[in-house]
Structures are given as structure tokens and as C-alpha cells.
């Protein structure tokens, strides 16, 4: 099974937050790799607490589409 991991950069403080959509577990680190490693530990803790079945039930396969939208045009209302 492959998981989608979202990496969110923090431009003010630096570093990254990593998360798997639909599972309330997060990882943080100075680099993407450190945030992912921290997320792995958080997911292990989540599974230990709530069970593998709960984690698997939360994971969905999102439909991902790439759209060429101009955000400046969207802001004009």
C-alpha cells in the first residue's frame, strides 16, 4: 500500500510538517526527510493506540487532478 504524504513548509519558522490526509497524526522536522521520519513514528503511535483497522479505514485514495488556474484571476471575484 502506498500513502500520500503532504509536506507543508513553514516559511516563518522554517522546517516542515508532514501528514497523511485523513489520519490525525503529524510529523515535524527541519527537513522534509526529518518530518517524514517523525510522521512515521506518529503513525506507529496512532496504530498502537487506535488499531490498524481504524487507520486503514481512514485512508482513502484521493482523486488528484492538476489544474492550470491563475490565482490572481480568482482573487478578482
N, C-alpha and C. Protein backbone atom coordinates (compact mmCIF):
# COMPACT_ATOMS: atom_id res chain seq x y z
N UNK A 1 0.85 -1.17 0.00
CA UNK A 1 0.00 0.00 0.00
C UNK A 1 0.89 1.23 0.00
N UNK A 2 0.58 2.18 -0.85
CA UNK A 2 1.31 3.44 -0.83
C UNK A 2 0.43 4.51 -0.20
N UNK A 3 1.06 5.44 0.46
CA UNK A 3 0.33 6.52 1.13
C UNK A 3 0.71 7.86 0.52
N UNK A 4 -0.23 8.75 0.47
CA UNK A 4 0.03 10.13 0.06
C UNK A 4 0.47 10.88 1.31
N UNK A 5 1.64 11.50 1.26
CA UNK A 5 2.15 12.30 2.37
C UNK A 5 2.20 13.75 1.92
N UNK A 6 1.55 14.60 2.68
CA UNK A 6 1.56 16.03 2.39
C UNK A 6 2.68 16.68 3.20
N UNK A 7 3.51 17.46 2.53
CA UNK A 7 4.61 18.19 3.18
C UNK A 7 4.29 19.67 3.12
N UNK A 8 4.26 20.30 4.29
CA UNK A 8 3.90 21.71 4.40
C UNK A 8 5.09 22.46 4.95
N UNK A 9 5.63 23.37 4.15
CA UNK A 9 6.77 24.18 4.59
C UNK A 9 6.27 25.31 5.49
N UNK A 10 7.05 25.66 6.49
CA UNK A 10 6.74 26.79 7.36
C UNK A 10 7.70 27.92 7.02
N UNK A 11 7.25 28.89 6.21
CA UNK A 11 8.16 29.95 5.76
C UNK A 11 8.62 30.88 6.89
N UNK A 12 7.85 30.98 7.96
CA UNK A 12 8.22 31.88 9.05
C UNK A 12 9.23 31.25 10.00
N UNK A 13 8.99 30.02 10.41
CA UNK A 13 9.85 29.36 11.40
C UNK A 13 10.85 28.41 10.75
N UNK A 14 10.63 28.06 9.50
CA UNK A 14 11.47 27.08 8.84
C UNK A 14 10.99 25.68 9.17
N UNK A 15 11.49 24.72 8.47
CA UNK A 15 11.12 23.34 8.72
C UNK A 15 9.85 22.95 7.99
N UNK A 16 9.39 21.74 8.29
CA UNK A 16 8.27 21.14 7.58
C UNK A 16 7.35 20.41 8.54
N UNK A 17 6.10 20.31 8.14
CA UNK A 17 5.13 19.42 8.77
C UNK A 17 4.75 18.39 7.73
N UNK A 18 4.69 17.13 8.14
CA UNK A 18 4.28 16.04 7.25
C UNK A 18 3.02 15.43 7.82
N UNK A 19 2.09 15.07 6.92
CA UNK A 19 0.87 14.42 7.37
C UNK A 19 0.31 13.54 6.27
N UNK A 20 -0.47 12.56 6.69
CA UNK A 20 -1.22 11.72 5.78
C UNK A 20 -2.66 12.20 5.88
N UNK A 21 -3.25 12.65 4.78
CA UNK A 21 -4.64 13.09 4.84
C UNK A 21 -5.52 12.00 5.45
N UNK A 22 -6.46 12.40 6.26
CA UNK A 22 -7.46 11.53 6.88
C UNK A 22 -7.01 10.82 8.14
N UNK A 23 -5.72 10.88 8.50
CA UNK A 23 -5.27 10.29 9.76
C UNK A 23 -4.71 11.43 10.62
N UNK A 24 -5.25 11.61 11.82
CA UNK A 24 -4.78 12.71 12.66
C UNK A 24 -3.44 12.42 13.34
N UNK A 25 -2.39 12.37 12.54
CA UNK A 25 -1.04 12.18 13.04
C UNK A 25 -0.12 13.06 12.21
N UNK A 26 0.81 13.73 12.86
CA UNK A 26 1.65 14.70 12.18
C UNK A 26 3.11 14.49 12.56
N UNK A 27 4.00 14.86 11.65
CA UNK A 27 5.42 14.83 11.93
C UNK A 27 6.01 16.20 11.63
N UNK A 28 7.03 16.57 12.35
CA UNK A 28 7.69 17.85 12.12
C UNK A 28 9.20 17.65 12.09
N UNK A 29 9.88 18.48 11.30
CA UNK A 29 11.32 18.40 11.24
C UNK A 29 11.91 19.55 10.46
N UNK A 30 13.20 19.74 10.60
CA UNK A 30 13.90 20.82 9.90
C UNK A 30 13.98 20.56 8.41
N UNK A 31 13.94 19.28 7.99
CA UNK A 31 13.97 18.92 6.58
C UNK A 31 12.74 18.06 6.27
N UNK A 32 12.47 17.88 4.98
CA UNK A 32 11.37 17.01 4.59
C UNK A 32 11.58 15.59 5.12
N UNK A 33 12.81 15.09 5.01
CA UNK A 33 13.10 13.73 5.47
C UNK A 33 12.90 13.57 6.97
N UNK A 34 13.30 14.57 7.75
CA UNK A 34 13.09 14.50 9.20
C UNK A 34 11.61 14.57 9.55
N UNK A 35 10.86 15.38 8.84
CA UNK A 35 9.42 15.46 9.08
C UNK A 35 8.75 14.13 8.74
N UNK A 36 9.18 13.48 7.66
CA UNK A 36 8.63 12.18 7.28
C UNK A 36 8.98 11.12 8.32
N UNK A 37 10.21 11.14 8.82
CA UNK A 37 10.62 10.18 9.85
C UNK A 37 9.79 10.38 11.12
N UNK A 38 9.53 11.63 11.49
CA UNK A 38 8.72 11.93 12.66
C UNK A 38 7.27 11.49 12.43
N UNK A 39 6.77 11.66 11.21
CA UNK A 39 5.43 11.21 10.87
C UNK A 39 5.32 9.69 11.01
N UNK A 40 6.34 8.99 10.58
CA UNK A 40 6.34 7.52 10.70
C UNK A 40 6.15 7.10 12.15
N UNK A 41 6.87 7.76 13.06
CA UNK A 41 6.72 7.46 14.49
C UNK A 41 5.32 7.81 14.98
N UNK A 42 4.79 8.94 14.51
CA UNK A 42 3.44 9.35 14.91
C UNK A 42 2.40 8.34 14.42
N UNK A 43 2.57 7.84 13.21
CA UNK A 43 1.63 6.84 12.68
C UNK A 43 1.73 5.54 13.47
N UNK A 44 2.95 5.15 13.86
CA UNK A 44 3.10 3.95 14.69
C UNK A 44 2.36 4.12 16.01
N UNK A 45 2.48 5.30 16.61
CA UNK A 45 1.77 5.58 17.86
C UNK A 45 0.26 5.57 17.66
N UNK A 46 -0.19 6.12 16.55
CA UNK A 46 -1.63 6.13 16.25
C UNK A 46 -2.15 4.70 16.14
N UNK A 47 -1.42 3.86 15.40
CA UNK A 47 -1.85 2.48 15.21
C UNK A 47 -1.83 1.72 16.53
N UNK A 48 -0.83 1.96 17.38
CA UNK A 48 -0.79 1.31 18.70
C UNK A 48 -1.98 1.72 19.55
N UNK A 49 -2.40 2.98 19.43
CA UNK A 49 -3.49 3.49 20.25
C UNK A 49 -4.85 3.10 19.73
N UNK A 50 -5.07 3.26 18.42
CA UNK A 50 -6.41 3.08 17.86
C UNK A 50 -6.58 1.81 17.02
N UNK A 51 -5.48 1.16 16.68
CA UNK A 51 -5.55 -0.09 15.93
C UNK A 51 -5.34 0.11 14.44
N UNK A 52 -4.83 -0.93 13.82
CA UNK A 52 -4.57 -0.90 12.39
C UNK A 52 -5.86 -0.77 11.59
N UNK A 53 -6.91 -1.44 12.03
CA UNK A 53 -8.17 -1.39 11.30
C UNK A 53 -8.69 0.04 11.21
N UNK A 54 -8.57 0.81 12.30
CA UNK A 54 -9.01 2.20 12.30
C UNK A 54 -8.20 3.02 11.30
N UNK A 55 -6.88 2.84 11.32
CA UNK A 55 -6.02 3.60 10.41
C UNK A 55 -6.34 3.25 8.96
N UNK A 56 -6.50 1.96 8.65
CA UNK A 56 -6.81 1.56 7.28
C UNK A 56 -8.17 2.08 6.83
N UNK A 57 -9.13 2.13 7.74
CA UNK A 57 -10.46 2.63 7.39
C UNK A 57 -10.43 4.12 7.07
N UNK A 58 -9.49 4.85 7.64
CA UNK A 58 -9.39 6.29 7.41
C UNK A 58 -8.69 6.65 6.10
N UNK A 59 -7.83 5.76 5.64
CA UNK A 59 -7.04 6.04 4.44
C UNK A 59 -7.92 5.92 3.21
N UNK A 60 -7.95 6.98 2.44
CA UNK A 60 -8.69 6.94 1.18
C UNK A 60 -7.72 7.23 0.04
N UNK A 61 -8.10 6.84 -1.12
CA UNK A 61 -7.29 7.12 -2.30
C UNK A 61 -7.86 8.37 -2.96
N UNK A 62 -7.24 9.52 -2.72
CA UNK A 62 -7.80 10.75 -3.27
C UNK A 62 -7.64 10.80 -4.79
N UNK A 63 -8.62 11.41 -5.41
CA UNK A 63 -8.51 11.70 -6.83
C UNK A 63 -7.72 12.99 -6.95
N UNK A 64 -6.60 12.95 -7.64
CA UNK A 64 -5.73 14.11 -7.75
C UNK A 64 -5.76 14.59 -9.19
N UNK A 65 -6.03 15.87 -9.36
CA UNK A 65 -6.00 16.48 -10.69
C UNK A 65 -5.16 17.74 -10.62
N UNK A 66 -4.40 17.97 -11.64
CA UNK A 66 -3.60 19.19 -11.72
C UNK A 66 -4.34 20.17 -12.62
N UNK A 67 -4.60 21.37 -12.09
CA UNK A 67 -5.33 22.39 -12.83
C UNK A 67 -4.44 23.60 -13.05
N UNK A 68 -4.48 24.18 -14.22
CA UNK A 68 -3.73 25.39 -14.52
C UNK A 68 -4.61 26.60 -14.27
N UNK A 69 -4.70 27.00 -13.03
CA UNK A 69 -5.51 28.14 -12.64
C UNK A 69 -4.59 29.29 -12.27
N UNK A 70 -5.00 30.47 -12.64
CA UNK A 70 -4.27 31.68 -12.27
C UNK A 70 -4.90 32.23 -11.00
N UNK A 71 -4.22 32.10 -9.88
CA UNK A 71 -4.78 32.55 -8.61
C UNK A 71 -5.06 34.05 -8.60
N UNK A 72 -4.31 34.82 -9.33
CA UNK A 72 -4.56 36.27 -9.41
C UNK A 72 -5.92 36.54 -10.03
N UNK A 73 -6.30 35.76 -11.03
CA UNK A 73 -7.62 35.95 -11.65
C UNK A 73 -8.73 35.52 -10.69
N UNK A 74 -8.50 34.49 -9.92
CA UNK A 74 -9.51 34.05 -8.96
C UNK A 74 -9.74 35.09 -7.87
N UNK A 75 -8.75 35.87 -7.54
CA UNK A 75 -8.89 36.86 -6.47
C UNK A 75 -9.72 38.06 -6.91
N UNK A 76 -9.99 38.19 -8.18
CA UNK A 76 -10.78 39.34 -8.66
C UNK A 76 -12.26 39.13 -8.53
N UNK A 77 -12.65 38.00 -8.01
CA UNK A 77 -14.02 37.77 -7.67
C UNK A 77 -14.88 37.27 -8.75
